[in-house]
Amino acid sequence: MPVNSRLMLAISIGLAAGPALAADLPAHGCLNKAEQRAALASRQAVPLAVALKSAHEHMRRSEPLRARLCHRGDGLVYELTLLTHTGKVRHAIVDAENGQLIRGR
């Protein structure tokens, strides 16, 4: 599946699953669906597609499994879970303000 199709699929899954995922989140400050929309509307966070693209540039040939928008320090970050082409699960943290990869492992 082309990268753009995967990004759009991940975005649609993330938006559709927002309330379900929010119930499963630990209490470390992840936003619910309404809070995510507000953060995007007020430009506190870049769109998820930007964060996924940044992670993909550093972790080539990976598929997004889960994305959460969470508070970290004074700002917001995307916490991404990715599946590599070899079947390994990797995690990435992307600054939600500018879309830059903070950490990938």
C-alpha atoms as a PDB file:
ATOM      1  CA  MET A   1       0.000   0.000   0.000  1.00  0.00           C
ATOM      2  CA  PRO A   2       1.485   3.430  -0.913  1.00  0.00           C
ATOM      3  CA  VAL A   3       2.622   5.676   1.945  1.00  0.00           C
ATOM      4  CA  ASN A   4      -0.084   8.289   1.268  1.00  0.00           C
ATOM      5  CA  SER A   5      -2.794   5.622   1.439  1.00  0.00           C
ATOM      6  CA  ARG A   6      -1.373   4.307   4.705  1.00  0.00           C
ATOM      7  CA  LEU A   7      -1.289   7.819   6.165  1.00  0.00           C
ATOM      8  CA  MET A   8      -4.893   8.475   5.223  1.00  0.00           C
ATOM      9  CA  LEU A   9      -5.931   5.087   6.607  1.00  0.00           C
ATOM     10  CA  ALA A  10      -4.131   5.790   9.881  1.00  0.00           C
ATOM     11  CA  ILE A  11      -5.746   9.201  10.133  1.00  0.00           C
ATOM     12  CA  SER A  12      -9.218   7.824   9.517  1.00  0.00           C
ATOM     13  CA  ILE A  13      -8.677   4.997  12.008  1.00  0.00           C
ATOM     14  CA  GLY A  14      -7.318   7.428  14.583  1.00  0.00           C
ATOM     15  CA  LEU A  15     -10.242   9.803  14.201  1.00  0.00           C
ATOM     16  CA  ALA A  16     -12.847   7.051  14.201  1.00  0.00           C
ATOM     17  CA  ALA A  17     -11.297   5.229  17.152  1.00  0.00           C
ATOM     18  CA  GLY A  18     -10.659   8.349  19.234  1.00  0.00           C
ATOM     19  CA  PRO A  19     -13.263   7.720  21.956  1.00  0.00           C
ATOM     20  CA  ALA A  20     -12.477   4.014  22.162  1.00  0.00           C
ATOM     21  CA  LEU A  21      -8.751   4.693  22.466  1.00  0.00           C
ATOM     22  CA  ALA A  22      -9.252   7.472  24.998  1.00  0.00           C
ATOM     23  CA  ALA A  23     -10.885   5.016  27.402  1.00  0.00           C
ATOM     24  CA  ASP A  24      -7.815   2.767  27.206  1.00  0.00           C
ATOM     25  CA  LEU A  25      -5.251   5.503  27.791  1.00  0.00           C
ATOM     26  CA  PRO A  26      -3.229   5.724  30.947  1.00  0.00           C
ATOM     27  CA  ALA A  27      -3.726   8.854  33.035  1.00  0.00           C
ATOM     28  CA  HIS A  28      -0.589  10.579  31.814  1.00  0.00           C
ATOM     29  CA  GLY A  29      -2.341  13.317  29.946  1.00  0.00           C
ATOM     30  CA  CYS A  30      -3.459  12.074  26.541  1.00  0.00           C
ATOM     31  CA  LEU A  31      -6.200  14.071  24.853  1.00  0.00           C
ATOM     32  CA  ASN A  32      -9.645  12.776  24.032  1.00  0.00           C
ATOM     33  CA  LYS A  33     -11.156  13.252  20.578  1.00  0.00           C
ATOM     34  CA  ALA A  34     -12.734  16.655  21.329  1.00  0.00           C
ATOM     35  CA  GLU A  35      -9.494  17.927  22.870  1.00  0.00           C
ATOM     36  CA  GLN A  36      -7.550  16.678  19.833  1.00  0.00           C
ATOM     37  CA  ARG A  37      -9.846  18.607  17.480  1.00  0.00           C
ATOM     38  CA  ALA A  38      -9.468  21.746  19.611  1.00  0.00           C
ATOM     39  CA  ALA A  39      -5.657  21.427  19.633  1.00  0.00           C
ATOM     40  CA  LEU A  40      -5.620  21.076  15.841  1.00  0.00           C
ATOM     41  CA  ALA A  41      -8.054  23.980  15.341  1.00  0.00           C
ATOM     42  CA  SER A  42      -5.984  26.272  17.576  1.00  0.00           C
ATOM     43  CA  ARG A  43      -2.771  25.159  15.816  1.00  0.00           C
ATOM     44  CA  GLN A  44      -1.270  23.753  19.014  1.00  0.00           C
ATOM     45  CA  ALA A  45      -0.661  20.545  17.067  1.00  0.00           C
ATOM     46  CA  VAL A  46       0.148  19.681  13.475  1.00  0.00           C
ATOM     47  CA  PRO A  47      -2.089  17.117  11.757  1.00  0.00           C
ATOM     48  CA  LEU A  48      -1.369  13.458  12.472  1.00  0.00           C
ATOM     49  CA  ALA A  49      -0.273  12.973   8.848  1.00  0.00           C
ATOM     50  CA  VAL A  50       2.662  15.346   9.434  1.00  0.00           C
ATOM     51  CA  ALA A  51       3.768  13.403  12.519  1.00  0.00           C
ATOM     52  CA  LEU A  52       3.483  10.079  10.697  1.00  0.00           C
ATOM     53  CA  LYS A  53       5.488  11.410   7.760  1.00  0.00           C
ATOM     54  CA  SER A  54       8.247  12.568  10.104  1.00  0.00           C
ATOM     55  CA  ALA A  55       8.372   9.173  11.825  1.00  0.00           C
ATOM     56  CA  HIS A  56       8.306   7.378   8.469  1.00  0.00           C
ATOM     57  CA  GLU A  57      11.330   9.378   7.260  1.00  0.00           C
ATOM     58  CA  HIS A  58      13.349   7.944  10.157  1.00  0.00           C
ATOM     59  CA  MET A  59      11.755   4.494  10.319  1.00  0.00           C
ATOM     60  CA  ARG A  60      11.376   3.493   6.720  1.00  0.00           C
ATOM     61  CA  ARG A  61       9.031   0.687   5.709  1.00  0.00           C
ATOM     62  CA  SER A  62       6.842   0.896   8.783  1.00  0.00           C
ATOM     63  CA  GLU A  63       3.080   0.850   9.227  1.00  0.00           C
ATOM     64  CA  PRO A  64       1.260   2.944  11.861  1.00  0.00           C
ATOM     65  CA  LEU A  65      -0.573   0.866  14.485  1.00  0.00           C
ATOM     66  CA  ARG A  66      -1.570   3.504  17.035  1.00  0.00           C
ATOM     67  CA  ALA A  67      -1.289   7.244  17.507  1.00  0.00           C
ATOM     68  CA  ARG A  68      -2.057   9.302  20.600  1.00  0.00           C
ATOM     69  CA  LEU A  69      -1.809  13.053  21.182  1.00  0.00           C
ATOM     70  CA  CYS A  70      -0.558  13.641  24.713  1.00  0.00           C
ATOM     71  CA  HIS A  71       0.748  16.346  27.032  1.00  0.00           C
ATOM     72  CA  ARG A  72       4.466  16.210  27.679  1.00  0.00           C
ATOM     73  CA  GLY A  73       6.214  18.957  29.576  1.00  0.00           C
ATOM     74  CA  ASP A  74       4.851  22.302  28.393  1.00  0.00           C
ATOM     75  CA  GLY A  75       3.607  21.047  25.035  1.00  0.00           C
ATOM     76  CA  LEU A  76       1.994  18.234  23.109  1.00  0.00           C
ATOM     77  CA  VAL A  77       3.521  15.178  21.473  1.00  0.00           C
ATOM     78  CA  TYR A  78       2.284  12.397  19.263  1.00  0.00           C
ATOM     79  CA  GLU A  79       3.071   8.979  20.713  1.00  0.00           C
ATOM     80  CA  LEU A  80       3.224   6.620  17.745  1.00  0.00           C
ATOM     81  CA  THR A  81       3.378   2.833  17.641  1.00  0.00           C
ATOM     82  CA  LEU A  82       4.671   1.461  14.332  1.00  0.00           C
ATOM     83  CA  LEU A  83       5.080  -2.008  12.857  1.00  0.00           C
ATOM     84  CA  THR A  84       8.231  -2.502  10.767  1.00  0.00           C
ATOM     85  CA  HIS A  85       8.418  -4.645   7.654  1.00  0.00           C
ATOM     86  CA  THR A  86      10.265  -7.252   9.737  1.00  0.00           C
ATOM     87  CA  GLY A  87       7.372  -7.496  12.207  1.00  0.00           C
ATOM     88  CA  LYS A  88       8.986  -5.533  15.043  1.00  0.00           C
ATOM     89  CA  VAL A  89       6.970  -2.983  16.968  1.00  0.00           C
ATOM     90  CA  ARG A  90       8.664   0.406  17.291  1.00  0.00           C
ATOM     91  CA  HIS A  91       7.706   3.550  19.160  1.00  0.00           C
ATOM     92  CA  ALA A  92       8.244   7.158  18.160  1.00  0.00           C
ATOM     93  CA  ILE A  93       7.640  10.474  19.881  1.00  0.00           C
ATOM     94  CA  VAL A  94       6.955  13.438  17.588  1.00  0.00           C
ATOM     95  CA  ASP A  95       6.714  17.065  18.704  1.00  0.00           C
ATOM     96  CA  ALA A  96       3.107  17.973  17.904  1.00  0.00           C
ATOM     97  CA  GLU A  97       3.905  21.679  17.584  1.00  0.00           C
ATOM     98  CA  ASN A  98       6.381  21.348  14.703  1.00  0.00           C
ATOM     99  CA  GLY A  99       6.117  17.719  13.550  1.00  0.00           C
ATOM    100  CA  GLN A 100       9.767  16.894  14.274  1.00  0.00           C
ATOM    101  CA  LEU A 101      10.805  13.471  15.541  1.00  0.00           C
ATOM    102  CA  ILE A 102      11.956  13.686  19.164  1.00  0.00           C
ATOM    103  CA  ARG A 103      12.733  10.011  19.699  1.00  0.00           C
ATOM    104  CA  GLY A 104      12.350   6.813  17.770  1.00  0.00           C
ATOM    105  CA  ARG A 105      13.219   3.344  19.037  1.00  0.00           C
END
